[in-house]
């Protein structure tokens, strides 16, 4: 596959908001490390904020080898985004059903519940 084709496929995954696939594709290509990290952070953020998929987020943190500091910064950025929205919270910040707790959790509650487990996963 040619470089232009790969780049087009990567761009398509990003446009479709399929961040995990984009991160995997970029890792297999000769992309700059900084771009790979940005795509990985976007994928992990999506699993936390939109999907609220704790098991998936933990698996990504392990796969991407995120450090405690990287996960802390990402979680803090998410919390700042919610708090900085001043009355108009992002659509992903509202309550979603969590299968493990069997409760509806907003993103702040979700982070409070799963944040420590997520940080531990990054170091494995």
PDB file of N, CA and C in Angstrom:
ATOM      1  N   UNK A   1       0.849  -1.180   0.000  1.00  0.00           N
ATOM      2  CA  UNK A   1       0.000   0.000   0.000  1.00  0.00           C
ATOM      3  C   UNK A   1       0.898   1.248   0.000  1.00  0.00           C
ATOM      4  N   UNK A   2       0.560   2.193  -0.817  1.00  0.00           N
ATOM      5  CA  UNK A   2       1.351   3.412  -0.933  1.00  0.00           C
ATOM      6  C   UNK A   2       1.138   4.341   0.256  1.00  0.00           C
ATOM      7  N   UNK A   3       2.109   5.216   0.453  1.00  0.00           N
ATOM      8  CA  UNK A   3       2.034   6.167   1.561  1.00  0.00           C
ATOM      9  C   UNK A   3       0.796   7.049   1.460  1.00  0.00           C
ATOM     10  N   UNK A   4       0.460   7.497   0.259  1.00  0.00           N
ATOM     11  CA  UNK A   4      -0.723   8.368   0.094  1.00  0.00           C
ATOM     12  C   UNK A   4      -2.003   7.620   0.446  1.00  0.00           C
ATOM     13  N   UNK A   5      -2.057   6.350   0.080  1.00  0.00           N
ATOM     14  CA  UNK A   5      -3.235   5.548   0.418  1.00  0.00           C
ATOM     15  C   UNK A   5      -3.347   5.367   1.926  1.00  0.00           C
ATOM     16  N   UNK A   6      -2.217   5.093   2.562  1.00  0.00           N
ATOM     17  CA  UNK A   6      -2.220   4.925   4.020  1.00  0.00           C
ATOM     18  C   UNK A   6      -2.648   6.216   4.710  1.00  0.00           C
ATOM     19  N   UNK A   7      -2.102   7.315   4.242  1.00  0.00           N
ATOM     20  CA  UNK A   7      -2.462   8.615   4.822  1.00  0.00           C
ATOM     21  C   UNK A   7      -3.947   8.902   4.622  1.00  0.00           C
ATOM     22  N   UNK A   8      -4.489   8.568   3.466  1.00  0.00           N
ATOM     23  CA  UNK A   8      -5.917   8.772   3.195  1.00  0.00           C
ATOM     24  C   UNK A   8      -6.764   7.908   4.129  1.00  0.00           C
ATOM     25  N   UNK A   9      -6.357   6.650   4.331  1.00  0.00           N
ATOM     26  CA  UNK A   9      -7.088   5.767   5.245  1.00  0.00           C
ATOM     27  C   UNK A   9      -7.017   6.277   6.684  1.00  0.00           C
ATOM     28  N   UNK A  10      -5.850   6.760   7.064  1.00  0.00           N
ATOM     29  CA  UNK A  10      -5.686   7.317   8.409  1.00  0.00           C
ATOM     30  C   UNK A  10      -6.586   8.539   8.590  1.00  0.00           C
ATOM     31  N   UNK A  11      -6.563   9.436   7.613  1.00  0.00           N
ATOM     32  CA  UNK A  11      -7.425  10.633   7.676  1.00  0.00           C
ATOM     33  C   UNK A  11      -8.896  10.252   7.746  1.00  0.00           C
ATOM     34  N   UNK A  12      -9.272   9.231   6.988  1.00  0.00           N
ATOM     35  CA  UNK A  12     -10.661   8.766   6.990  1.00  0.00           C
ATOM     36  C   UNK A  12     -11.076   8.265   8.372  1.00  0.00           C
ATOM     37  N   UNK A  13     -10.194   7.510   9.037  1.00  0.00           N
ATOM     38  CA  UNK A  13     -10.503   7.020  10.383  1.00  0.00           C
ATOM     39  C   UNK A  13     -10.650   8.178  11.369  1.00  0.00           C
ATOM     40  N   UNK A  14      -9.799   9.174  11.226  1.00  0.00           N
ATOM     41  CA  UNK A  14      -9.889  10.340  12.109  1.00  0.00           C
ATOM     42  C   UNK A  14     -11.190  11.085  11.864  1.00  0.00           C
ATOM     43  N   UNK A  15     -11.541  11.292  10.602  1.00  0.00           N
ATOM     44  CA  UNK A  15     -12.787  11.988  10.258  1.00  0.00           C
ATOM     45  C   UNK A  15     -14.009  11.230  10.763  1.00  0.00           C
ATOM     46  N   UNK A  16     -13.941   9.922  10.758  1.00  0.00           N
ATOM     47  CA  UNK A  16     -15.051   9.096  11.242  1.00  0.00           C
ATOM     48  C   UNK A  16     -15.077   9.007  12.765  1.00  0.00           C
ATOM     49  N   UNK A  17     -14.102   9.643  13.396  1.00  0.00           N
ATOM     50  CA  UNK A  17     -13.964   9.647  14.850  1.00  0.00           C
ATOM     51  C   UNK A  17     -13.699   8.240  15.383  1.00  0.00           C
ATOM     52  N   UNK A  18     -13.011   7.448  14.587  1.00  0.00           N
ATOM     53  CA  UNK A  18     -12.598   6.115  15.005  1.00  0.00           C
ATOM     54  C   UNK A  18     -11.151   6.227  15.459  1.00  0.00           C
ATOM     55  N   UNK A  19     -10.971   6.838  16.625  1.00  0.00           N
ATOM     56  CA  UNK A  19      -9.639   7.189  17.106  1.00  0.00           C
ATOM     57  C   UNK A  19      -8.769   5.985  17.442  1.00  0.00           C
ATOM     58  N   UNK A  20      -9.359   4.918  17.946  1.00  0.00           N
ATOM     59  CA  UNK A  20      -8.567   3.739  18.289  1.00  0.00           C
ATOM     60  C   UNK A  20      -7.982   3.107  17.020  1.00  0.00           C
ATOM     61  N   UNK A  21      -8.775   3.021  15.969  1.00  0.00           N
ATOM     62  CA  UNK A  21      -8.265   2.479  14.702  1.00  0.00           C
ATOM     63  C   UNK A  21      -7.191   3.388  14.123  1.00  0.00           C
ATOM     64  N   UNK A  22      -7.402   4.693  14.212  1.00  0.00           N
ATOM     65  CA  UNK A  22      -6.411   5.643  13.703  1.00  0.00           C
ATOM     66  C   UNK A  22      -5.088   5.498  14.462  1.00  0.00           C
ATOM     67  N   UNK A  23      -5.168   5.351  15.772  1.00  0.00           N
ATOM     68  CA  UNK A  23      -3.948   5.193  16.577  1.00  0.00           C
ATOM     69  C   UNK A  23      -3.219   3.915  16.202  1.00  0.00           C
ATOM     70  N   UNK A  24      -3.954   2.839  15.984  1.00  0.00           N
ATOM     71  CA  UNK A  24      -3.336   1.573  15.587  1.00  0.00           C
ATOM     72  C   UNK A  24      -2.691   1.679  14.210  1.00  0.00           C
ATOM     73  N   UNK A  25      -3.374   2.339  13.290  1.00  0.00           N
ATOM     74  CA  UNK A  25      -2.825   2.519  11.945  1.00  0.00           C
ATOM     75  C   UNK A  25      -1.555   3.360  11.977  1.00  0.00           C
ATOM     76  N   UNK A  26      -1.585   4.426  12.740  1.00  0.00           N
ATOM     77  CA  UNK A  26      -0.436   5.335  12.798  1.00  0.00           C
ATOM     78  C   UNK A  26       0.774   4.648  13.404  1.00  0.00           C
ATOM     79  N   UNK A  27       0.532   3.769  14.372  1.00  0.00           N
ATOM     80  CA  UNK A  27       1.630   3.067  15.020  1.00  0.00           C
ATOM     81  C   UNK A  27       2.356   2.155  14.032  1.00  0.00           C
ATOM     82  N   UNK A  28       1.617   1.575  13.115  1.00  0.00           N
ATOM     83  CA  UNK A  28       2.220   0.698  12.116  1.00  0.00           C
ATOM     84  C   UNK A  28       2.937   1.451  11.012  1.00  0.00           C
ATOM     85  N   UNK A  29       2.665   2.732  10.891  1.00  0.00           N
ATOM     86  CA  UNK A  29       3.293   3.558   9.866  1.00  0.00           C
ATOM     87  C   UNK A  29       4.451   4.327  10.471  1.00  0.00           C
ATOM     88  N   UNK A  30       5.167   4.987   9.616  1.00  0.00           N
ATOM     89  CA  UNK A  30       6.289   5.793  10.078  1.00  0.00           C
ATOM     90  C   UNK A  30       5.812   7.203  10.393  1.00  0.00           C
ATOM     91  N   UNK A  31       4.967   7.318  11.396  1.00  0.00           N
ATOM     92  CA  UNK A  31       4.438   8.610  11.829  1.00  0.00           C
ATOM     93  C   UNK A  31       5.325   9.158  12.942  1.00  0.00           C
ATOM     94  N   UNK A  32       5.407  10.474  13.050  1.00  0.00           N
ATOM     95  CA  UNK A  32       6.167  11.045  14.172  1.00  0.00           C
ATOM     96  C   UNK A  32       5.573  10.607  15.506  1.00  0.00           C
ATOM     97  N   UNK A  33       6.435  10.408  16.485  1.00  0.00           N
ATOM     98  CA  UNK A  33       6.003   9.944  17.813  1.00  0.00           C
ATOM     99  C   UNK A  33       4.956  10.872  18.410  1.00  0.00           C
ATOM    100  N   UNK A  34       5.113  12.168  18.211  1.00  0.00           N
ATOM    101  CA  UNK A  34       4.164  13.144  18.754  1.00  0.00           C
ATOM    102  C   UNK A  34       2.767  12.941  18.181  1.00  0.00           C
ATOM    103  N   UNK A  35       2.686  12.676  16.881  1.00  0.00           N
ATOM    104  CA  UNK A  35       1.377  12.444  16.259  1.00  0.00           C
ATOM    105  C   UNK A  35       0.763  11.155  16.786  1.00  0.00           C
ATOM    106  N   UNK A  36       1.586  10.114  16.939  1.00  0.00           N
ATOM    107  CA  UNK A  36       1.076   8.860  17.492  1.00  0.00           C
ATOM    108  C   UNK A  36       0.489   9.080  18.887  1.00  0.00           C
ATOM    109  N   UNK A  37       1.202   9.836  19.728  1.00  0.00           N
ATOM    110  CA  UNK A  37       0.713  10.092  21.089  1.00  0.00           C
ATOM    111  C   UNK A  37      -0.595  10.876  21.056  1.00  0.00           C
ATOM    112  N   UNK A  38      -0.713  11.851  20.162  1.00  0.00           N
ATOM    113  CA  UNK A  38      -1.956  12.624  20.044  1.00  0.00           C
ATOM    114  C   UNK A  38      -3.124  11.714  19.674  1.00  0.00           C
ATOM    115  N   UNK A  39      -2.899  10.816  18.721  1.00  0.00           N
ATOM    116  CA  UNK A  39      -3.955   9.890  18.320  1.00  0.00           C
ATOM    117  C   UNK A  39      -4.300   8.920  19.443  1.00  0.00           C
ATOM    118  N   UNK A  40      -3.291   8.467  20.172  1.00  0.00           N
ATOM    119  CA  UNK A  40      -3.538   7.572  21.298  1.00  0.00           C
ATOM    120  C   UNK A  40      -4.328   8.277  22.390  1.00  0.00           C
ATOM    121  N   UNK A  41      -3.971   9.527  22.688  1.00  0.00           N
ATOM    122  CA  UNK A  41      -4.713  10.289  23.697  1.00  0.00           C
ATOM    123  C   UNK A  41      -6.154  10.520  23.259  1.00  0.00           C
ATOM    124  N   UNK A  42      -6.357  10.795  21.969  1.00  0.00           N
ATOM    125  CA  UNK A  42      -7.715  10.990  21.455  1.00  0.00           C
ATOM    126  C   UNK A  42      -8.537   9.713  21.607  1.00  0.00           C
ATOM    127  N   UNK A  43      -7.903   8.573  21.351  1.00  0.00           N
ATOM    128  CA  UNK A  43      -8.603   7.287  21.495  1.00  0.00           C
ATOM    129  C   UNK A  43      -8.971   7.033  22.953  1.00  0.00           C
ATOM    130  N   UNK A  44      -8.019   7.245  23.854  1.00  0.00           N
ATOM    131  CA  UNK A  44      -8.289   7.013  25.274  1.00  0.00           C
ATOM    132  C   UNK A  44      -9.348   7.987  25.791  1.00  0.00           C
ATOM    133  N   UNK A  45      -9.264   9.225  25.371  1.00  0.00           N
ATOM    134  CA  UNK A  45     -10.266  10.213  25.780  1.00  0.00           C
ATOM    135  C   UNK A  45     -11.657   9.802  25.292  1.00  0.00           C
ATOM    136  N   UNK A  46     -11.737   9.313  24.070  1.00  0.00           N
ATOM    137  CA  UNK A  46     -13.022   8.889  23.525  1.00  0.00           C
ATOM    138  C   UNK A  46     -13.596   7.709  24.320  1.00  0.00           C
ATOM    139  N   UNK A  47     -12.745   6.776  24.701  1.00  0.00           N
ATOM    140  CA  UNK A  47     -13.219   5.634  25.490  1.00  0.00           C
ATOM    141  C   UNK A  47     -13.719   6.077  26.861  1.00  0.00           C
ATOM    142  N   UNK A  48     -13.126   7.134  27.399  1.00  0.00           N
ATOM    143  CA  UNK A  48     -13.543   7.643  28.701  1.00  0.00           C
ATOM    144  C   UNK A  48     -14.798   8.502  28.588  1.00  0.00           C
ATOM    145  N   UNK A  49     -14.766   9.477  27.696  1.00  0.00           N
ATOM    146  CA  UNK A  49     -15.834  10.480  27.665  1.00  0.00           C
ATOM    147  C   UNK A  49     -17.072  10.033  26.909  1.00  0.00           C
ATOM    148  N   UNK A  50     -16.891   9.477  25.741  1.00  0.00           N
ATOM    149  CA  UNK A  50     -18.042   9.129  24.911  1.00  0.00           C
ATOM    150  C   UNK A  50     -18.555   7.720  25.163  1.00  0.00           C
ATOM    151  N   UNK A  51     -17.626   6.768  25.211  1.00  0.00           N
ATOM    152  CA  UNK A  51     -18.035   5.378  25.348  1.00  0.00           C
ATOM    153  C   UNK A  51     -18.233   4.968  26.799  1.00  0.00           C
ATOM    154  N   UNK A  52     -17.530   5.623  27.733  1.00  0.00           N
ATOM    155  CA  UNK A  52     -17.522   5.244  29.152  1.00  0.00           C
ATOM    156  C   UNK A  52     -17.252   3.760  29.304  1.00  0.00           C
ATOM    157  N   UNK A  53     -16.261   3.329  28.593  1.00  0.00           N
ATOM    158  CA  UNK A  53     -15.894   1.925  28.548  1.00  0.00           C
ATOM    159  C   UNK A  53     -14.636   1.728  29.392  1.00  0.00           C
ATOM    160  N   UNK A  54     -14.829   1.368  30.643  1.00  0.00           N
ATOM    161  CA  UNK A  54     -13.703   1.231  31.564  1.00  0.00           C
ATOM    162  C   UNK A  54     -12.739   0.136  31.120  1.00  0.00           C
ATOM    163  N   UNK A  55     -13.261  -1.016  30.750  1.00  0.00           N
ATOM    164  CA  UNK A  55     -12.397  -2.117  30.352  1.00  0.00           C
ATOM    165  C   UNK A  55     -11.617  -1.751  29.093  1.00  0.00           C
ATOM    166  N   UNK A  56     -12.270  -1.102  28.137  1.00  0.00           N
ATOM    167  CA  UNK A  56     -11.594  -0.674  26.916  1.00  0.00           C
ATOM    168  C   UNK A  56     -10.544   0.382  27.191  1.00  0.00           C
ATOM    169  N   UNK A  57     -10.863   1.337  28.065  1.00  0.00           N
ATOM    170  CA  UNK A  57      -9.905   2.399  28.416  1.00  0.00           C
ATOM    171  C   UNK A  57      -8.685   1.807  29.112  1.00  0.00           C
ATOM    172  N   UNK A  58      -8.900   0.857  29.992  1.00  0.00           N
ATOM    173  CA  UNK A  58      -7.793   0.199  30.695  1.00  0.00           C
ATOM    174  C   UNK A  58      -6.921  -0.564  29.696  1.00  0.00           C
ATOM    175  N   UNK A  59      -7.558  -1.263  28.767  1.00  0.00           N
ATOM    176  CA  UNK A  59      -6.801  -2.010  27.752  1.00  0.00           C
ATOM    177  C   UNK A  59      -5.983  -1.058  26.874  1.00  0.00           C
ATOM    178  N   UNK A  60      -6.560   0.079  26.498  1.00  0.00           N
ATOM    179  CA  UNK A  60      -5.813   1.050  25.690  1.00  0.00           C
ATOM    180  C   UNK A  60      -4.651   1.644  26.476  1.00  0.00           C
ATOM    181  N   UNK A  61      -4.871   1.971  27.741  1.00  0.00           N
ATOM    182  CA  UNK A  61      -3.797   2.528  28.569  1.00  0.00           C
ATOM    183  C   UNK A  61      -2.628   1.544  28.654  1.00  0.00           C
ATOM    184  N   UNK A  62      -2.947   0.257  28.754  1.00  0.00           N
ATOM    185  CA  UNK A  62      -1.902  -0.764  28.785  1.00  0.00           C
ATOM    186  C   UNK A  62      -1.212  -0.884  27.431  1.00  0.00           C
ATOM    187  N   UNK A  63      -2.004  -0.946  26.373  1.00  0.00           N
ATOM    188  CA  UNK A  63      -1.444  -1.097  25.028  1.00  0.00           C
ATOM    189  C   UNK A  63      -0.549   0.080  24.654  1.00  0.00           C
ATOM    190  N   UNK A  64      -0.987   1.288  24.989  1.00  0.00           N
ATOM    191  CA  UNK A  64      -0.238   2.488  24.637  1.00  0.00           C
ATOM    192  C   UNK A  64       0.871   2.807  25.639  1.00  0.00           C
ATOM    193  N   UNK A  65       0.933   2.046  26.728  1.00  0.00           N
ATOM    194  CA  UNK A  65       1.954   2.226  27.769  1.00  0.00           C
ATOM    195  C   UNK A  65       1.961   3.656  28.321  1.00  0.00           C
ATOM    196  N   UNK A  66       0.786   4.124  28.680  1.00  0.00           N
ATOM    197  CA  UNK A  66       0.665   5.461  29.269  1.00  0.00           C
ATOM    198  C   UNK A  66       1.197   5.430  30.692  1.00  0.00           C
ATOM    199  N   UNK A  67       1.910   6.453  31.066  1.00  0.00           N
ATOM    200  CA  UNK A  67       2.418   6.566  32.436  1.00  0.00           C
ATOM    201  C   UNK A  67       1.323   7.166  33.332  1.00  0.00           C
ATOM    202  N   UNK A  68       1.544   7.097  34.636  1.00  0.00           N
ATOM    203  CA  UNK A  68       0.619   7.729  35.586  1.00  0.00           C
ATOM    204  C   UNK A  68       0.439   9.198  35.261  1.00  0.00           C
ATOM    205  N   UNK A  69       1.548   9.881  34.973  1.00  0.00           N
ATOM    206  CA  UNK A  69       1.500  11.316  34.680  1.00  0.00           C
ATOM    207  C   UNK A  69       0.684  11.602  33.425  1.00  0.00           C
ATOM    208  N   UNK A  70       0.846  10.800  32.387  1.00  0.00           N
ATOM    209  CA  UNK A  70       0.085  11.007  31.152  1.00  0.00           C
ATOM    210  C   UNK A  70      -1.409  10.822  31.404  1.00  0.00           C
ATOM    211  N   UNK A  71      -1.748   9.793  32.153  1.00  0.00           N
ATOM    212  CA  UNK A  71      -3.167   9.545  32.448  1.00  0.00           C
ATOM    213  C   UNK A  71      -3.715  10.646  33.339  1.00  0.00           C
ATOM    214  N   UNK A  72      -2.933  11.068  34.343  1.00  0.00           N
ATOM    215  CA  UNK A  72      -3.350  12.186  35.203  1.00  0.00           C
ATOM    216  C   UNK A  72      -3.634  13.435  34.383  1.00  0.00           C
ATOM    217  N   UNK A  73      -2.719  13.768  33.472  1.00  0.00           N
ATOM    218  CA  UNK A  73      -2.904  14.968  32.644  1.00  0.00           C
ATOM    219  C   UNK A  73      -4.152  14.855  31.783  1.00  0.00           C
ATOM    220  N   UNK A  74      -4.390  13.683  31.228  1.00  0.00           N
ATOM    221  CA  UNK A  74      -5.568  13.483  30.386  1.00  0.00           C
ATOM    222  C   UNK A  74      -6.852  13.616  31.209  1.00  0.00           C
ATOM    223  N   UNK A  75      -6.889  12.979  32.380  1.00  0.00           N
ATOM    224  CA  UNK A  75      -8.076  13.065  33.233  1.00  0.00           C
ATOM    225  C   UNK A  75      -8.314  14.498  33.703  1.00  0.00           C
ATOM    226  N   UNK A  76      -7.233  15.208  34.048  1.00  0.00           N
ATOM    227  CA  UNK A  76      -7.369  16.605  34.461  1.00  0.00           C
ATOM    228  C   UNK A  76      -7.869  17.466  33.306  1.00  0.00           C
ATOM    229  N   UNK A  77      -7.385  17.204  32.092  1.00  0.00           N
ATOM    230  CA  UNK A  77      -7.841  17.962  30.920  1.00  0.00           C
ATOM    231  C   UNK A  77      -9.327  17.727  30.674  1.00  0.00           C
ATOM    232  N   UNK A  78      -9.773  16.505  30.854  1.00  0.00           N
ATOM    233  CA  UNK A  78     -11.199  16.193  30.696  1.00  0.00           C
ATOM    234  C   UNK A  78     -12.016  16.950  31.735  1.00  0.00           C
ATOM    235  N   UNK A  79     -11.561  16.917  32.984  1.00  0.00           N
ATOM    236  CA  UNK A  79     -12.281  17.606  34.061  1.00  0.00           C
ATOM    237  C   UNK A  79     -12.299  19.119  33.811  1.00  0.00           C
ATOM    238  N   UNK A  80     -11.187  19.678  33.346  1.00  0.00           N
ATOM    239  CA  UNK A  80     -11.128  21.109  33.045  1.00  0.00           C
ATOM    240  C   UNK A  80     -12.079  21.463  31.909  1.00  0.00           C
ATOM    241  N   UNK A  81     -12.179  20.590  30.932  1.00  0.00           N
ATOM    242  CA  UNK A  81     -13.091  20.827  29.821  1.00  0.00           C
ATOM    243  C   UNK A  81     -14.532  20.878  30.304  1.00  0.00           C
ATOM    244  N   UNK A  82     -14.873  20.019  31.244  1.00  0.00           N
ATOM    245  CA  UNK A  82     -16.232  20.004  31.800  1.00  0.00           C
ATOM    246  C   UNK A  82     -16.471  21.257  32.638  1.00  0.00           C
ATOM    247  N   UNK A  83     -15.522  21.583  33.519  1.00  0.00           N
ATOM    248  CA  UNK A  83     -15.683  22.738  34.400  1.00  0.00           C
ATOM    249  C   UNK A  83     -15.593  24.052  33.654  1.00  0.00           C
ATOM    250  N   UNK A  84     -14.784  24.104  32.609  1.00  0.00           N
ATOM    251  CA  UNK A  84     -14.594  25.332  31.861  1.00  0.00           C
ATOM    252  C   UNK A  84     -15.717  25.652  30.900  1.00  0.00           C
ATOM    253  N   UNK A  85     -16.679  24.765  30.798  1.00  0.00           N
ATOM    254  CA  UNK A  85     -17.764  24.981  29.845  1.00  0.00           C
ATOM    255  C   UNK A  85     -18.836  25.938  30.361  1.00  0.00           C
ATOM    256  N   UNK A  86     -18.733  26.358  31.606  1.00  0.00           N
ATOM    257  CA  UNK A  86     -19.604  27.364  32.226  1.00  0.00           C
ATOM    258  C   UNK A  86     -21.081  27.251  31.838  1.00  0.00           C
ATOM    259  N   UNK A  87     -21.725  26.297  32.429  1.00  0.00           N
ATOM    260  CA  UNK A  87     -23.164  26.150  32.239  1.00  0.00           C
ATOM    261  C   UNK A  87     -23.551  25.302  31.051  1.00  0.00           C
ATOM    262  N   UNK A  88     -22.742  25.272  30.026  1.00  0.00           N
ATOM    263  CA  UNK A  88     -23.047  24.448  28.855  1.00  0.00           C
ATOM    264  C   UNK A  88     -22.040  23.308  28.784  1.00  0.00           C
ATOM    265  N   UNK A  89     -22.389  22.242  29.470  1.00  0.00           N
ATOM    266  CA  UNK A  89     -21.490  21.088  29.534  1.00  0.00           C
ATOM    267  C   UNK A  89     -21.412  20.403  28.171  1.00  0.00           C
ATOM    268  N   UNK A  90     -20.269  19.799  27.875  1.00  0.00           N
ATOM    269  CA  UNK A  90     -20.152  19.031  26.626  1.00  0.00           C
ATOM    270  C   UNK A  90     -21.194  17.916  26.610  1.00  0.00           C
ATOM    271  N   UNK A  91     -21.671  17.534  25.447  1.00  0.00           N
ATOM    272  CA  UNK A  91     -22.717  16.502  25.383  1.00  0.00           C
ATOM    273  C   UNK A  91     -22.297  15.175  26.007  1.00  0.00           C
ATOM    274  N   UNK A  92     -21.012  14.882  26.019  1.00  0.00           N
ATOM    275  CA  UNK A  92     -20.538  13.619  26.576  1.00  0.00           C
ATOM    276  C   UNK A  92     -20.393  13.657  28.095  1.00  0.00           C
ATOM    277  N   UNK A  93     -20.608  14.809  28.716  1.00  0.00           N
ATOM    278  CA  UNK A  93     -20.376  14.940  30.156  1.00  0.00           C
ATOM    279  C   UNK A  93     -21.548  14.436  31.007  1.00  0.00           C
ATOM    280  N   UNK A  94     -22.699  14.261  30.398  1.00  0.00           N
ATOM    281  CA  UNK A  94     -23.882  13.855  31.146  1.00  0.00           C
ATOM    282  C   UNK A  94     -23.822  12.422  31.651  1.00  0.00           C
ATOM    283  N   UNK A  95     -24.880  12.031  32.309  1.00  0.00           N
ATOM    284  CA  UNK A  95     -24.943  10.699  32.917  1.00  0.00           C
ATOM    285  C   UNK A  95     -25.144   9.623  31.855  1.00  0.00           C
ATOM    286  N   UNK A  96     -24.431   8.517  32.072  1.00  0.00           N
ATOM    287  CA  UNK A  96     -24.556   7.330  31.233  1.00  0.00           C
ATOM    288  C   UNK A  96     -24.579   6.128  32.153  1.00  0.00           C
ATOM    289  N   UNK A  97     -25.274   5.118  31.726  1.00  0.00           N
ATOM    290  CA  UNK A  97     -25.367   3.908  32.540  1.00  0.00           C
ATOM    291  C   UNK A  97     -24.041   3.163  32.527  1.00  0.00           C
ATOM    292  N   UNK A  98     -23.609   2.775  33.704  1.00  0.00           N
ATOM    293  CA  UNK A  98     -22.377   2.010  33.865  1.00  0.00           C
ATOM    294  C   UNK A  98     -22.749   0.607  34.323  1.00  0.00           C
ATOM    295  N   UNK A  99     -22.392  -0.372  33.529  1.00  0.00           N
ATOM    296  CA  UNK A  99     -22.780  -1.755  33.795  1.00  0.00           C
ATOM    297  C   UNK A  99     -22.166  -2.280  35.088  1.00  0.00           C
ATOM    298  N   UNK A 100     -20.917  -1.935  35.344  1.00  0.00           N
ATOM    299  CA  UNK A 100     -20.223  -2.477  36.514  1.00  0.00           C
ATOM    300  C   UNK A 100     -20.835  -1.967  37.823  1.00  0.00           C
ATOM    301  N   UNK A 101     -21.112  -0.662  37.899  1.00  0.00           N
ATOM    302  CA  UNK A 101     -21.687  -0.101  39.128  1.00  0.00           C
ATOM    303  C   UNK A 101     -23.211  -0.185  39.142  1.00  0.00           C
ATOM    304  N   UNK A 102     -23.792  -0.414  37.967  1.00  0.00           N
ATOM    305  CA  UNK A 102     -25.246  -0.454  37.789  1.00  0.00           C
ATOM    306  C   UNK A 102     -25.888   0.873  38.202  1.00  0.00           C
ATOM    307  N   UNK A 103     -25.172   1.968  37.911  1.00  0.00           N
ATOM    308  CA  UNK A 103     -25.660   3.314  38.211  1.00  0.00           C
ATOM    309  C   UNK A 103     -25.441   4.196  37.001  1.00  0.00           C
ATOM    310  N   UNK A 104     -26.161   5.311  36.980  1.00  0.00           N
ATOM    311  CA  UNK A 104     -25.917   6.336  35.980  1.00  0.00           C
ATOM    312  C   UNK A 104     -24.857   7.277  36.529  1.00  0.00           C
ATOM    313  N   UNK A 105     -23.742   7.409  35.806  1.00  0.00           N
ATOM    314  CA  UNK A 105     -22.623   8.233  36.253  1.00  0.00           C
ATOM    315  C   UNK A 105     -22.348   9.315  35.217  1.00  0.00           C
ATOM    316  N   UNK A 106     -22.113  10.555  35.690  1.00  0.00           N
ATOM    317  CA  UNK A 106     -21.613  11.556  34.756  1.00  0.00           C
ATOM    318  C   UNK A 106     -20.109  11.337  34.633  1.00  0.00           C
ATOM    319  N   UNK A 107     -19.474  12.077  33.741  1.00  0.00           N
ATOM    320  CA  UNK A 107     -18.057  11.815  33.474  1.00  0.00           C
ATOM    321  C   UNK A 107     -17.197  12.054  34.715  1.00  0.00           C
ATOM    322  N   UNK A 108     -17.563  13.016  35.543  1.00  0.00           N
ATOM    323  CA  UNK A 108     -16.787  13.267  36.759  1.00  0.00           C
ATOM    324  C   UNK A 108     -16.890  12.098  37.730  1.00  0.00           C
ATOM    325  N   UNK A 109     -18.089  11.561  37.896  1.00  0.00           N
ATOM    326  CA  UNK A 109     -18.278  10.403  38.767  1.00  0.00           C
ATOM    327  C   UNK A 109     -17.566   9.180  38.200  1.00  0.00           C
ATOM    328  N   UNK A 110     -17.616   9.044  36.881  1.00  0.00           N
ATOM    329  CA  UNK A 110     -16.958   7.915  36.224  1.00  0.00           C
ATOM    330  C   UNK A 110     -15.456   7.982  36.481  1.00  0.00           C
ATOM    331  N   UNK A 111     -14.860   9.160  36.322  1.00  0.00           N
ATOM    332  CA  UNK A 111     -13.425   9.325  36.556  1.00  0.00           C
ATOM    333  C   UNK A 111     -13.090   9.067  38.021  1.00  0.00           C
ATOM    334  N   UNK A 112     -13.938   9.544  38.920  1.00  0.00           N
ATOM    335  CA  UNK A 112     -13.698   9.302  40.346  1.00  0.00           C
ATOM    336  C   UNK A 112     -13.712   7.800  40.645  1.00  0.00           C
ATOM    337  N   UNK A 113     -14.587   7.072  39.974  1.00  0.00           N
ATOM    338  CA  UNK A 113     -14.706   5.636  40.227  1.00  0.00           C
ATOM    339  C   UNK A 113     -13.588   4.833  39.565  1.00  0.00           C
ATOM    340  N   UNK A 114     -13.259   5.152  38.315  1.00  0.00           N
ATOM    341  CA  UNK A 114     -12.321   4.332  37.545  1.00  0.00           C
ATOM    342  C   UNK A 114     -10.927   4.942  37.393  1.00  0.00           C
ATOM    343  N   UNK A 115     -10.723   6.169  37.819  1.00  0.00           N
ATOM    344  CA  UNK A 115      -9.449   6.857  37.596  1.00  0.00           C
ATOM    345  C   UNK A 115      -8.250   6.128  38.151  1.00  0.00           C
ATOM    346  N   UNK A 116      -8.340   5.654  39.379  1.00  0.00           N
ATOM    347  CA  UNK A 116      -7.206   4.959  40.007  1.00  0.00           C
ATOM    348  C   UNK A 116      -6.885   3.657  39.273  1.00  0.00           C
ATOM    349  N   UNK A 117      -7.919   2.926  38.912  1.00  0.00           N
ATOM    350  CA  UNK A 117      -7.726   1.671  38.183  1.00  0.00           C
ATOM    351  C   UNK A 117      -7.089   1.939  36.812  1.00  0.00           C
ATOM    352  N   UNK A 118      -7.496   3.028  36.196  1.00  0.00           N
ATOM    353  CA  UNK A 118      -6.948   3.409  34.908  1.00  0.00           C
ATOM    354  C   UNK A 118      -5.463   3.774  35.019  1.00  0.00           C
ATOM    355  N   UNK A 119      -5.106   4.502  36.082  1.00  0.00           N
ATOM    356  CA  UNK A 119      -3.698   4.862  36.283  1.00  0.00           C
ATOM    357  C   UNK A 119      -2.838   3.625  36.537  1.00  0.00           C
ATOM    358  N   UNK A 120      -3.359   2.690  37.315  1.00  0.00           N
ATOM    359  CA  UNK A 120      -2.600   1.460  37.579  1.00  0.00           C
ATOM    360  C   UNK A 120      -2.368   0.671  36.299  1.00  0.00           C
ATOM    361  N   UNK A 121      -3.362   0.702  35.403  1.00  0.00           N
ATOM    362  CA  UNK A 121      -3.265  -0.059  34.152  1.00  0.00           C
ATOM    363  C   UNK A 121      -2.145   0.462  33.266  1.00  0.00           C
ATOM    364  N   UNK A 122      -1.922   1.761  33.286  1.00  0.00           N
ATOM    365  CA  UNK A 122      -0.902   2.346  32.432  1.00  0.00           C
ATOM    366  C   UNK A 122       0.498   1.908  32.776  1.00  0.00           C
ATOM    367  N   UNK A 123       0.722   1.548  34.008  1.00  0.00           N
ATOM    368  CA  UNK A 123       2.072   1.154  34.443  1.00  0.00           C
ATOM    369  C   UNK A 123       2.374  -0.321  34.191  1.00  0.00           C
ATOM    370  N   UNK A 124       1.390  -1.089  33.844  1.00  0.00           N
ATOM    371  CA  UNK A 124       1.606  -2.539  33.674  1.00  0.00           C
ATOM    372  C   UNK A 124       2.383  -2.839  32.422  1.00  0.00           C
TER     373      UNK A 124
END
